Amino acid sequence: MNTTFLVGIVGSIILVIGAALPSKIVSHPVRLPKNWFFVFGNLSMFTYSYLNFLVGGSIFFIFLQVLIAISTLLMMLNTPDRYDTPILAVAGLALVIWALRLFEGYGTILFVIGLVILGLGFAMNIGTVRRNLALAVGSAAIAVFSFIVMDWIFFWLNVFFALFSGYYVFKLSKAKNVINKPKPA
């Protein structure tokens, strides 16, 4: 087992644990352990994507991790969605243009879609259906791209991340329906 693979496995495990932890509404994002798992997991995955690129892996995973780093920083700073969205849109657009200039096939478009959706999901308010839906859809798109380029670390990470995010979409939607259900007379 080489160092690059080990860094990827450790980062993936940290992120999957973070995805599995329940989302709670807190006064500030730095007070939620789930978010710290995202910070350290994303840092590990950035390191993995860079090391993997040095040995011939896809540069697109570095793009992904740059956008995730920006969105994680915005999340931890608790910036409102009205500021997050334009910042991530500009950063995402720049990375999308760069990715499309390096176009390596139609999988690149799938990657770009996943990149933008996942980045927006990370910065959205925690504990919302919208955030978890964005994380699930973005992760699923990145998982398909990872399968195409045969990066199994990112593939399995994003499969599990999409599953856990999807679970929370279901759970939050169900809870919202119970709250909004009319009471019998």
N, C-alpha and C. Protein backbone atom coordinates (compact mmCIF):
# COMPACT_ATOMS: atom_id res chain seq x y z
N MET A 1 0.85 -1.17 0.00
CA MET A 1 0.00 0.00 0.00
C MET A 1 0.91 1.24 0.00
N ASN A 2 0.68 2.14 -0.97
CA ASN A 2 1.51 3.33 -1.04
C ASN A 2 0.89 4.49 -0.26
N THR A 3 1.67 5.55 -0.09
CA THR A 3 1.23 6.69 0.71
C THR A 3 0.01 7.37 0.11
N THR A 4 0.00 7.53 -1.20
CA THR A 4 -1.13 8.19 -1.86
C THR A 4 -2.43 7.46 -1.56
N PHE A 5 -2.42 6.15 -1.73
CA PHE A 5 -3.61 5.34 -1.47
C PHE A 5 -4.03 5.45 -0.01
N LEU A 6 -3.07 5.40 0.90
CA LEU A 6 -3.35 5.49 2.33
C LEU A 6 -4.00 6.83 2.68
N VAL A 7 -3.47 7.92 2.13
CA VAL A 7 -4.05 9.25 2.37
C VAL A 7 -5.49 9.29 1.85
N GLY A 8 -5.71 8.70 0.67
CA GLY A 8 -7.06 8.67 0.10
C GLY A 8 -8.03 7.86 0.95
N ILE A 9 -7.59 6.72 1.44
CA ILE A 9 -8.45 5.88 2.29
C ILE A 9 -8.80 6.61 3.59
N VAL A 10 -7.79 7.20 4.23
CA VAL A 10 -8.02 7.91 5.49
C VAL A 10 -8.98 9.08 5.26
N GLY A 11 -8.74 9.88 4.21
CA GLY A 11 -9.63 11.00 3.91
C GLY A 11 -11.04 10.55 3.61
N SER A 12 -11.18 9.45 2.88
CA SER A 12 -12.50 8.92 2.56
C SER A 12 -13.24 8.47 3.81
N ILE A 13 -12.55 7.78 4.68
CA ILE A 13 -13.17 7.31 5.92
C ILE A 13 -13.64 8.49 6.77
N ILE A 14 -12.80 9.52 6.87
CA ILE A 14 -13.18 10.72 7.64
C ILE A 14 -14.43 11.35 7.05
N LEU A 15 -14.49 11.48 5.72
CA LEU A 15 -15.65 12.11 5.07
C LEU A 15 -16.90 11.25 5.19
N VAL A 16 -16.76 9.94 5.08
CA VAL A 16 -17.93 9.07 5.20
C VAL A 16 -18.48 9.12 6.62
N ILE A 17 -17.60 9.16 7.61
CA ILE A 17 -18.07 9.32 8.99
C ILE A 17 -18.81 10.64 9.14
N GLY A 18 -18.25 11.71 8.58
CA GLY A 18 -18.92 13.02 8.62
C GLY A 18 -20.27 12.98 7.94
N ALA A 19 -20.35 12.31 6.80
CA ALA A 19 -21.64 12.21 6.09
C ALA A 19 -22.65 11.40 6.88
N ALA A 20 -22.17 10.41 7.63
CA ALA A 20 -23.07 9.54 8.39
C ALA A 20 -23.60 10.22 9.67
N LEU A 21 -22.86 11.18 10.18
CA LEU A 21 -23.30 11.85 11.41
C LEU A 21 -24.55 12.66 11.12
N PRO A 22 -25.46 12.74 12.09
CA PRO A 22 -26.69 13.50 11.86
C PRO A 22 -26.42 15.00 11.76
N SER A 23 -27.23 15.65 10.96
CA SER A 23 -27.16 17.11 10.83
C SER A 23 -28.00 17.72 11.94
N LYS A 24 -27.43 18.65 12.64
CA LYS A 24 -28.14 19.35 13.71
C LYS A 24 -28.02 20.84 13.45
N ILE A 25 -29.02 21.56 13.86
CA ILE A 25 -28.96 23.01 13.79
C ILE A 25 -28.17 23.49 15.01
N VAL A 26 -27.12 24.25 14.75
CA VAL A 26 -26.29 24.78 15.83
C VAL A 26 -26.15 26.28 15.63
N SER A 27 -25.68 26.98 16.67
CA SER A 27 -25.56 28.43 16.59
C SER A 27 -24.48 28.85 15.61
N HIS A 28 -23.46 28.03 15.43
CA HIS A 28 -22.38 28.34 14.48
C HIS A 28 -21.81 27.02 13.96
N PRO A 29 -21.49 26.94 12.68
CA PRO A 29 -21.01 25.68 12.09
C PRO A 29 -19.77 25.09 12.76
N VAL A 30 -18.91 25.91 13.35
CA VAL A 30 -17.71 25.37 13.99
C VAL A 30 -18.04 24.53 15.21
N ARG A 31 -19.27 24.62 15.70
CA ARG A 31 -19.67 23.87 16.89
C ARG A 31 -20.21 22.48 16.57
N LEU A 32 -20.29 22.16 15.29
CA LEU A 32 -20.85 20.88 14.88
C LEU A 32 -19.72 19.91 14.49
N PRO A 33 -19.54 18.81 15.22
CA PRO A 33 -18.48 17.85 14.91
C PRO A 33 -18.51 17.37 13.45
N LYS A 34 -19.70 17.22 12.90
CA LYS A 34 -19.85 16.78 11.50
C LYS A 34 -19.03 17.68 10.57
N ASN A 35 -19.08 18.98 10.81
CA ASN A 35 -18.37 19.93 9.95
C ASN A 35 -16.86 19.77 10.06
N TRP A 36 -16.38 19.45 11.25
CA TRP A 36 -14.93 19.25 11.41
C TRP A 36 -14.48 17.98 10.68
N PHE A 37 -15.34 16.98 10.63
CA PHE A 37 -15.01 15.80 9.82
C PHE A 37 -14.88 16.22 8.35
N PHE A 38 -15.77 17.10 7.90
CA PHE A 38 -15.68 17.59 6.52
C PHE A 38 -14.39 18.37 6.29
N VAL A 39 -14.00 19.22 7.23
CA VAL A 39 -12.78 20.01 7.08
C VAL A 39 -11.57 19.10 6.93
N PHE A 40 -11.39 18.18 7.88
CA PHE A 40 -10.20 17.32 7.85
C PHE A 40 -10.27 16.29 6.73
N GLY A 41 -11.45 15.80 6.44
CA GLY A 41 -11.60 14.85 5.34
C GLY A 41 -11.31 15.50 4.01
N ASN A 42 -11.81 16.72 3.81
CA ASN A 42 -11.55 17.42 2.55
C ASN A 42 -10.09 17.80 2.41
N LEU A 43 -9.44 18.16 3.50
CA LEU A 43 -8.01 18.44 3.46
C LEU A 43 -7.23 17.19 3.05
N SER A 44 -7.60 16.05 3.61
CA SER A 44 -6.96 14.78 3.25
C SER A 44 -7.21 14.44 1.78
N MET A 45 -8.43 14.67 1.32
CA MET A 45 -8.75 14.35 -0.07
C MET A 45 -8.07 15.30 -1.05
N PHE A 46 -7.85 16.56 -0.64
CA PHE A 46 -7.07 17.46 -1.48
C PHE A 46 -5.64 16.93 -1.61
N THR A 47 -5.07 16.52 -0.49
CA THR A 47 -3.72 15.96 -0.51
C THR A 47 -3.67 14.71 -1.40
N TYR A 48 -4.67 13.84 -1.25
CA TYR A 48 -4.74 12.64 -2.08
C TYR A 48 -4.84 13.00 -3.57
N SER A 49 -5.72 13.93 -3.91
CA SER A 49 -5.91 14.26 -5.32
C SER A 49 -4.64 14.85 -5.93
N TYR A 50 -3.91 15.64 -5.15
CA TYR A 50 -2.65 16.20 -5.63
C TYR A 50 -1.60 15.11 -5.81
N LEU A 51 -1.43 14.27 -4.80
CA LEU A 51 -0.45 13.18 -4.90
C LEU A 51 -0.82 12.23 -6.04
N ASN A 52 -2.10 11.95 -6.19
CA ASN A 52 -2.55 11.05 -7.25
C ASN A 52 -2.31 11.66 -8.64
N PHE A 53 -2.50 12.98 -8.75
CA PHE A 53 -2.23 13.66 -10.01
C PHE A 53 -0.74 13.55 -10.38
N LEU A 54 0.13 13.65 -9.38
CA LEU A 54 1.57 13.56 -9.63
C LEU A 54 1.99 12.22 -10.21
N VAL A 55 1.19 11.18 -9.96
CA VAL A 55 1.52 9.85 -10.49
C VAL A 55 0.60 9.46 -11.65
N GLY A 56 -0.07 10.45 -12.26
CA GLY A 56 -0.85 10.17 -13.46
C GLY A 56 -2.36 10.20 -13.30
N GLY A 57 -2.87 10.54 -12.12
CA GLY A 57 -4.31 10.61 -11.91
C GLY A 57 -4.91 11.85 -12.56
N SER A 58 -6.20 11.94 -12.55
CA SER A 58 -6.93 13.03 -13.19
C SER A 58 -6.77 14.35 -12.43
N ILE A 59 -6.50 15.41 -13.17
CA ILE A 59 -6.40 16.75 -12.60
C ILE A 59 -7.76 17.24 -12.12
N PHE A 60 -8.83 16.66 -12.65
CA PHE A 60 -10.17 17.12 -12.31
C PHE A 60 -10.49 16.95 -10.83
N PHE A 61 -9.86 15.98 -10.18
CA PHE A 61 -10.11 15.81 -8.75
C PHE A 61 -9.48 16.94 -7.93
N ILE A 62 -8.40 17.52 -8.44
CA ILE A 62 -7.83 18.71 -7.79
C ILE A 62 -8.83 19.85 -7.90
N PHE A 63 -9.44 20.02 -9.08
CA PHE A 63 -10.47 21.06 -9.26
C PHE A 63 -11.60 20.86 -8.25
N LEU A 64 -12.04 19.62 -8.13
CA LEU A 64 -13.11 19.30 -7.19
C LEU A 64 -12.72 19.73 -5.78
N GLN A 65 -11.54 19.36 -5.37
CA GLN A 65 -11.11 19.64 -4.00
C GLN A 65 -10.88 21.13 -3.76
N VAL A 66 -10.48 21.88 -4.79
CA VAL A 66 -10.35 23.33 -4.63
C VAL A 66 -11.72 23.94 -4.37
N LEU A 67 -12.72 23.54 -5.16
CA LEU A 67 -14.06 24.07 -4.95
C LEU A 67 -14.62 23.64 -3.59
N ILE A 68 -14.36 22.41 -3.21
CA ILE A 68 -14.83 21.93 -1.91
C ILE A 68 -14.12 22.69 -0.78
N ALA A 69 -12.84 23.00 -0.95
CA ALA A 69 -12.11 23.77 0.07
C ALA A 69 -12.73 25.15 0.24
N ILE A 70 -13.07 25.80 -0.88
CA ILE A 70 -13.71 27.12 -0.81
C ILE A 70 -15.06 27.01 -0.12
N SER A 71 -15.85 26.02 -0.51
CA SER A 71 -17.18 25.88 0.09
C SER A 71 -17.11 25.50 1.56
N THR A 72 -16.13 24.69 1.93
CA THR A 72 -15.96 24.31 3.34
C THR A 72 -15.57 25.53 4.17
N LEU A 73 -14.70 26.36 3.63
CA LEU A 73 -14.32 27.58 4.33
C LEU A 73 -15.54 28.49 4.52
N LEU A 74 -16.33 28.64 3.46
CA LEU A 74 -17.54 29.46 3.57
C LEU A 74 -18.52 28.88 4.59
N MET A 75 -18.62 27.54 4.61
CA MET A 75 -19.50 26.88 5.58
C MET A 75 -19.03 27.17 7.01
N MET A 76 -17.74 27.01 7.26
CA MET A 76 -17.23 27.20 8.61
C MET A 76 -17.28 28.67 9.05
N LEU A 77 -17.23 29.59 8.09
CA LEU A 77 -17.35 31.01 8.41
C LEU A 77 -18.81 31.42 8.57
N ASN A 78 -19.72 30.50 8.25
CA ASN A 78 -21.16 30.72 8.39
C ASN A 78 -21.66 31.88 7.54
N THR A 79 -21.10 31.99 6.34
CA THR A 79 -21.56 33.05 5.45
C THR A 79 -22.96 32.70 4.94
N PRO A 80 -23.82 33.69 4.82
CA PRO A 80 -25.19 33.44 4.33
C PRO A 80 -25.17 32.90 2.89
N ASP A 81 -26.21 32.13 2.55
CA ASP A 81 -26.31 31.56 1.20
C ASP A 81 -26.29 32.64 0.12
N ARG A 82 -26.78 33.81 0.42
CA ARG A 82 -26.81 34.87 -0.61
C ARG A 82 -25.40 35.33 -0.97
N TYR A 83 -24.40 35.10 -0.10
CA TYR A 83 -23.00 35.40 -0.43
C TYR A 83 -22.29 34.16 -0.95
N ASP A 84 -22.60 33.01 -0.35
CA ASP A 84 -21.97 31.76 -0.78
C ASP A 84 -22.21 31.49 -2.25
N THR A 85 -23.45 31.66 -2.66
CA THR A 85 -23.83 31.29 -4.02
C THR A 85 -23.02 32.06 -5.07
N PRO A 86 -22.91 33.40 -4.99
CA PRO A 86 -22.11 34.09 -6.01
C PRO A 86 -20.62 33.74 -5.95
N ILE A 87 -20.09 33.60 -4.75
CA ILE A 87 -18.66 33.25 -4.62
C ILE A 87 -18.41 31.88 -5.24
N LEU A 88 -19.25 30.92 -4.91
CA LEU A 88 -19.07 29.57 -5.46
C LEU A 88 -19.40 29.53 -6.95
N ALA A 89 -20.33 30.36 -7.38
CA ALA A 89 -20.65 30.40 -8.81
C ALA A 89 -19.45 30.90 -9.61
N VAL A 90 -18.79 31.94 -9.13
CA VAL A 90 -17.61 32.47 -9.82
C VAL A 90 -16.47 31.45 -9.79
N ALA A 91 -16.20 30.89 -8.61
CA ALA A 91 -15.13 29.89 -8.50
C ALA A 91 -15.47 28.66 -9.34
N GLY A 92 -16.72 28.21 -9.24
CA GLY A 92 -17.15 27.05 -10.03
C GLY A 92 -17.07 27.32 -11.52
N LEU A 93 -17.48 28.51 -11.95
CA LEU A 93 -17.42 28.86 -13.37
C LEU A 93 -15.98 28.85 -13.86
N ALA A 94 -15.07 29.41 -13.07
CA ALA A 94 -13.66 29.40 -13.46
C ALA A 94 -13.14 27.97 -13.60
N LEU A 95 -13.47 27.11 -12.63
CA LEU A 95 -13.03 25.72 -12.70
C LEU A 95 -13.71 24.97 -13.83
N VAL A 96 -14.97 25.29 -14.11
CA VAL A 96 -15.70 24.66 -15.22
C VAL A 96 -15.04 25.03 -16.54
N ILE A 97 -14.73 26.32 -16.72
CA ILE A 97 -14.08 26.75 -17.96
C ILE A 97 -12.73 26.05 -18.12
N TRP A 98 -11.97 25.99 -17.03
CA TRP A 98 -10.68 25.32 -17.08
C TRP A 98 -10.86 23.84 -17.41
N ALA A 99 -11.82 23.20 -16.76
CA ALA A 99 -12.07 21.78 -17.01
C ALA A 99 -12.48 21.54 -18.46
N LEU A 100 -13.33 22.40 -18.99
CA LEU A 100 -13.78 22.22 -20.38
C LEU A 100 -12.65 22.50 -21.37
N ARG A 101 -11.72 23.38 -21.01
CA ARG A 101 -10.55 23.61 -21.88
C ARG A 101 -9.66 22.37 -21.92
N LEU A 102 -9.67 21.61 -20.85
CA LEU A 102 -8.89 20.37 -20.79
C LEU A 102 -9.72 19.17 -21.23
N PHE A 103 -10.85 19.42 -21.83
CA PHE A 103 -11.86 18.42 -22.20
C PHE A 103 -11.22 17.07 -22.53
N GLU A 104 -11.62 16.06 -21.78
CA GLU A 104 -11.09 14.71 -21.98
C GLU A 104 -12.21 13.74 -22.33
N GLY A 105 -13.29 14.23 -22.88
CA GLY A 105 -14.41 13.38 -23.24
C GLY A 105 -15.66 13.84 -22.53
N TYR A 106 -16.77 13.18 -22.84
CA TYR A 106 -18.05 13.60 -22.29
C TYR A 106 -18.16 13.37 -20.79
N GLY A 107 -17.32 12.54 -20.23
CA GLY A 107 -17.28 12.38 -18.78
C GLY A 107 -16.91 13.69 -18.09
N THR A 108 -16.16 14.54 -18.80
CA THR A 108 -15.78 15.84 -18.25
C THR A 108 -17.02 16.67 -17.93
N ILE A 109 -18.03 16.62 -18.80
CA ILE A 109 -19.25 17.38 -18.57
C ILE A 109 -19.96 16.86 -17.32
N LEU A 110 -20.00 15.55 -17.15
CA LEU A 110 -20.60 14.96 -15.96
C LEU A 110 -19.84 15.41 -14.71
N PHE A 111 -18.52 15.43 -14.81
CA PHE A 111 -17.70 15.89 -13.69
C PHE A 111 -18.05 17.33 -13.34
N VAL A 112 -18.13 18.19 -14.36
CA VAL A 112 -18.41 19.60 -14.15
C VAL A 112 -19.76 19.79 -13.46
N ILE A 113 -20.76 19.07 -13.88
CA ILE A 113 -22.09 19.16 -13.27
C ILE A 113 -22.00 18.75 -11.79
N GLY A 114 -21.35 17.63 -11.52
CA GLY A 114 -21.19 17.17 -10.14
C GLY A 114 -20.40 18.15 -9.30
N LEU A 115 -19.35 18.72 -9.89
CA LEU A 115 -18.50 19.69 -9.20
C LEU A 115 -19.31 20.88 -8.72
N VAL A 116 -20.08 21.46 -9.60
CA VAL A 116 -20.85 22.65 -9.25
C VAL A 116 -21.92 22.33 -8.21
N ILE A 117 -22.67 21.26 -8.40
CA ILE A 117 -23.74 20.91 -7.48
C ILE A 117 -23.19 20.56 -6.10
N LEU A 118 -22.12 19.79 -6.07
CA LEU A 118 -21.51 19.39 -4.79
C LEU A 118 -20.96 20.61 -4.05
N GLY A 119 -20.29 21.50 -4.77
CA GLY A 119 -19.75 22.71 -4.14
C GLY A 119 -20.83 23.57 -3.52
N LEU A 120 -21.92 23.74 -4.26
CA LEU A 120 -23.04 24.52 -3.71
C LEU A 120 -23.64 23.83 -2.49
N GLY A 121 -23.75 22.51 -2.56
CA GLY A 121 -24.32 21.76 -1.43
C GLY A 121 -23.53 21.93 -0.15
N PHE A 122 -22.20 21.92 -0.26
CA PHE A 122 -21.38 22.07 0.94
C PHE A 122 -21.59 23.42 1.62
N ALA A 123 -21.86 24.45 0.85
CA ALA A 123 -21.98 25.78 1.43
C ALA A 123 -23.39 26.11 1.92
N MET A 124 -24.39 25.34 1.51
CA MET A 124 -25.77 25.62 1.93
C MET A 124 -25.95 25.38 3.42
N ASN A 125 -27.02 25.94 3.94
CA ASN A 125 -27.32 25.79 5.37
C ASN A 125 -27.49 24.32 5.74
N ILE A 126 -26.87 23.94 6.83
CA ILE A 126 -26.88 22.54 7.28
C ILE A 126 -28.28 22.16 7.77
N GLY A 127 -28.59 20.89 7.66
CA GLY A 127 -29.85 20.37 8.16
C GLY A 127 -31.03 20.63 7.25
N THR A 128 -30.77 20.95 5.98
CA THR A 128 -31.86 21.23 5.05
C THR A 128 -31.94 20.14 3.99
N VAL A 129 -33.15 19.95 3.48
CA VAL A 129 -33.36 19.00 2.39
C VAL A 129 -32.56 19.46 1.18
N ARG A 130 -32.60 20.75 0.90
CA ARG A 130 -31.91 21.31 -0.27
C ARG A 130 -30.41 20.99 -0.24
N ARG A 131 -29.78 21.17 0.90
CA ARG A 131 -28.34 20.90 1.02
C ARG A 131 -28.05 19.42 0.80
N ASN A 132 -28.78 18.56 1.46
CA ASN A 132 -28.53 17.13 1.35
C ASN A 132 -28.84 16.61 -0.05
N LEU A 133 -29.84 17.18 -0.70
CA LEU A 133 -30.16 16.79 -2.08
C LEU A 133 -29.01 17.19 -3.01
N ALA A 134 -28.48 18.39 -2.84
CA ALA A 134 -27.34 18.83 -3.66
C ALA A 134 -26.13 17.93 -3.42
N LEU A 135 -25.88 17.59 -2.16
CA LEU A 135 -24.75 16.70 -1.86
C LEU A 135 -24.94 15.32 -2.47
N ALA A 136 -26.16 14.81 -2.42
CA ALA A 136 -26.44 13.48 -2.99
C ALA A 136 -26.28 13.48 -4.50
N VAL A 137 -26.87 14.45 -5.18
CA VAL A 137 -26.81 14.50 -6.65
C VAL A 137 -25.39 14.78 -7.13
N GLY A 138 -24.73 15.76 -6.50
CA GLY A 138 -23.35 16.07 -6.87
C GLY A 138 -22.42 14.90 -6.66
N SER A 139 -22.56 14.22 -5.52
CA SER A 139 -21.73 13.05 -5.24
C SER A 139 -21.99 11.91 -6.21
N ALA A 140 -23.25 11.71 -6.59
CA ALA A 140 -23.58 10.66 -7.55
C ALA A 140 -22.92 10.94 -8.90
N ALA A 141 -22.96 12.19 -9.34
CA ALA A 141 -22.32 12.55 -10.61
C ALA A 141 -20.81 12.34 -10.54
N ILE A 142 -20.20 12.74 -9.43
CA ILE A 142 -18.75 12.54 -9.26
C ILE A 142 -18.42 11.06 -9.19
N ALA A 143 -19.29 10.26 -8.58
CA ALA A 143 -19.07 8.81 -8.51
C ALA A 143 -19.06 8.21 -9.91
N VAL A 144 -19.99 8.64 -10.76
CA VAL A 144 -20.02 8.12 -12.13
C VAL A 144 -18.75 8.53 -12.87
N PHE A 145 -18.34 9.79 -12.74
CA PHE A 145 -17.09 10.24 -13.37
C PHE A 145 -15.91 9.44 -12.84
N SER A 146 -15.86 9.22 -11.52
CA SER A 146 -14.77 8.45 -10.91
C SER A 146 -14.72 7.03 -11.46
N PHE A 147 -15.89 6.45 -11.71
CA PHE A 147 -15.96 5.12 -12.31
C PHE A 147 -15.37 5.15 -13.72
N ILE A 148 -15.73 6.19 -14.47
CA ILE A 148 -15.24 6.30 -15.85
C ILE A 148 -13.72 6.39 -15.89
N VAL A 149 -13.12 7.20 -14.99
CA VAL A 149 -11.66 7.36 -14.98
C VAL A 149 -10.97 6.33 -14.09
N MET A 150 -11.77 5.45 -13.48
CA MET A 150 -11.28 4.33 -12.67
C MET A 150 -10.47 4.79 -11.45
N ASP A 151 -10.95 5.82 -10.76
CA ASP A 151 -10.36 6.24 -9.49
C ASP A 151 -11.27 5.70 -8.40
N TRP A 152 -10.88 4.55 -7.85
CA TRP A 152 -11.76 3.82 -6.93
C TRP A 152 -11.90 4.49 -5.58
N ILE A 153 -10.90 5.26 -5.17
CA ILE A 153 -11.02 5.99 -3.90
C ILE A 153 -12.15 7.00 -4.01
N PHE A 154 -12.11 7.84 -5.04
CA PHE A 154 -13.17 8.83 -5.22
C PHE A 154 -14.50 8.17 -5.57
N PHE A 155 -14.47 7.06 -6.28
CA PHE A 155 -15.71 6.37 -6.62
C PHE A 155 -16.45 5.94 -5.35
N TRP A 156 -15.79 5.15 -4.50
CA TRP A 156 -16.46 4.64 -3.31
C TRP A 156 -16.80 5.75 -2.32
N LEU A 157 -15.90 6.74 -2.19
CA LEU A 157 -16.20 7.88 -1.31
C LEU A 157 -17.51 8.53 -1.74
N ASN A 158 -17.65 8.80 -3.02
CA ASN A 158 -18.83 9.50 -3.51
C ASN A 158 -20.07 8.62 -3.53
N VAL A 159 -19.92 7.33 -3.70
CA VAL A 159 -21.07 6.42 -3.59
C VAL A 159 -21.63 6.49 -2.17
N PHE A 160 -20.76 6.33 -1.18
CA PHE A 160 -21.22 6.37 0.21
C PHE A 160 -21.73 7.75 0.59
N PHE A 161 -21.06 8.78 0.13
CA PHE A 161 -21.49 10.14 0.43
C PHE A 161 -22.87 10.41 -0.15
N ALA A 162 -23.10 9.95 -1.38
CA ALA A 162 -24.41 10.12 -2.01
C ALA A 162 -25.48 9.34 -1.25
N LEU A 163 -25.16 8.13 -0.82
CA LEU A 163 -26.13 7.32 -0.08
C LEU A 163 -26.51 7.97 1.25
N PHE A 164 -25.51 8.42 2.02
CA PHE A 164 -25.81 9.05 3.30
C PHE A 164 -26.56 10.36 3.11
N SER A 165 -26.17 11.15 2.13
CA SER A 165 -26.87 12.40 1.87
C SER A 165 -28.31 12.12 1.43
N GLY A 166 -28.49 11.10 0.59
CA GLY A 166 -29.83 10.70 0.17
C GLY A 166 -30.68 10.25 1.34
N TYR A 167 -30.07 9.53 2.26
CA TYR A 167 -30.78 9.09 3.47
C TYR A 167 -31.29 10.30 4.25
N TYR A 168 -30.46 11.33 4.39
CA TYR A 168 -30.88 12.51 5.13
C TYR A 168 -31.92 13.33 4.36
N VAL A 169 -31.90 13.28 3.03
CA VAL A 169 -32.98 13.91 2.26
C VAL A 169 -34.30 13.24 2.62
N PHE A 170 -34.30 11.91 2.61
CA PHE A 170 -35.50 11.15 2.95
C PHE A 170 -35.94 11.44 4.39
N LYS A 171 -35.00 11.39 5.32
CA LYS A 171 -35.32 11.59 6.73
C LYS A 171 -35.85 13.00 6.98
N LEU A 172 -35.21 14.01 6.42
CA LEU A 172 -35.66 15.39 6.62
C LEU A 172 -37.00 15.63 5.93
N SER A 173 -37.20 15.05 4.77
CA SER A 173 -38.47 15.21 4.05
C SER A 173 -39.61 14.57 4.84
N LYS A 174 -39.34 13.40 5.40
CA LYS A 174 -40.35 12.70 6.19
C LYS A 174 -40.71 13.50 7.43
N ALA A 175 -39.69 14.03 8.10
CA ALA A 175 -39.93 14.85 9.30
C ALA A 175 -40.71 16.11 8.95
N LYS A 176 -40.41 16.70 7.82
CA LYS A 176 -41.12 17.91 7.38
C LYS A 176 -42.58 17.59 7.08
N ASN A 177 -42.85 16.43 6.49
CA ASN A 177 -44.23 16.04 6.19
C ASN A 177 -45.01 15.78 7.46
N VAL A 178 -44.38 15.22 8.48
CA VAL A 178 -45.06 14.98 9.75
C VAL A 178 -45.42 16.30 10.41
N ILE A 179 -44.50 17.26 10.35
CA ILE A 179 -44.75 18.57 10.96
C ILE A 179 -45.86 19.31 10.21
N ASN A 180 -45.87 19.23 8.89
CA ASN A 180 -46.84 19.97 8.08
C ASN A 180 -48.16 19.22 7.89
N LYS A 181 -48.26 18.03 8.41
CA LYS A 181 -49.48 17.24 8.26
C LYS A 181 -50.63 17.88 9.07
N PRO A 182 -51.81 18.02 8.46
CA PRO A 182 -52.93 18.63 9.21
C PRO A 182 -53.34 17.74 10.39
N LYS A 183 -53.67 18.39 11.47
CA LYS A 183 -54.10 17.65 12.67
C LYS A 183 -55.57 17.31 12.55
N PRO A 184 -55.95 16.10 13.02
CA PRO A 184 -57.36 15.72 12.96
C PRO A 184 -58.21 16.63 13.85
N ALA A 185 -59.43 16.86 13.39
CA ALA A 185 -60.34 17.75 14.12
C ALA A 185 -61.00 17.08 15.28
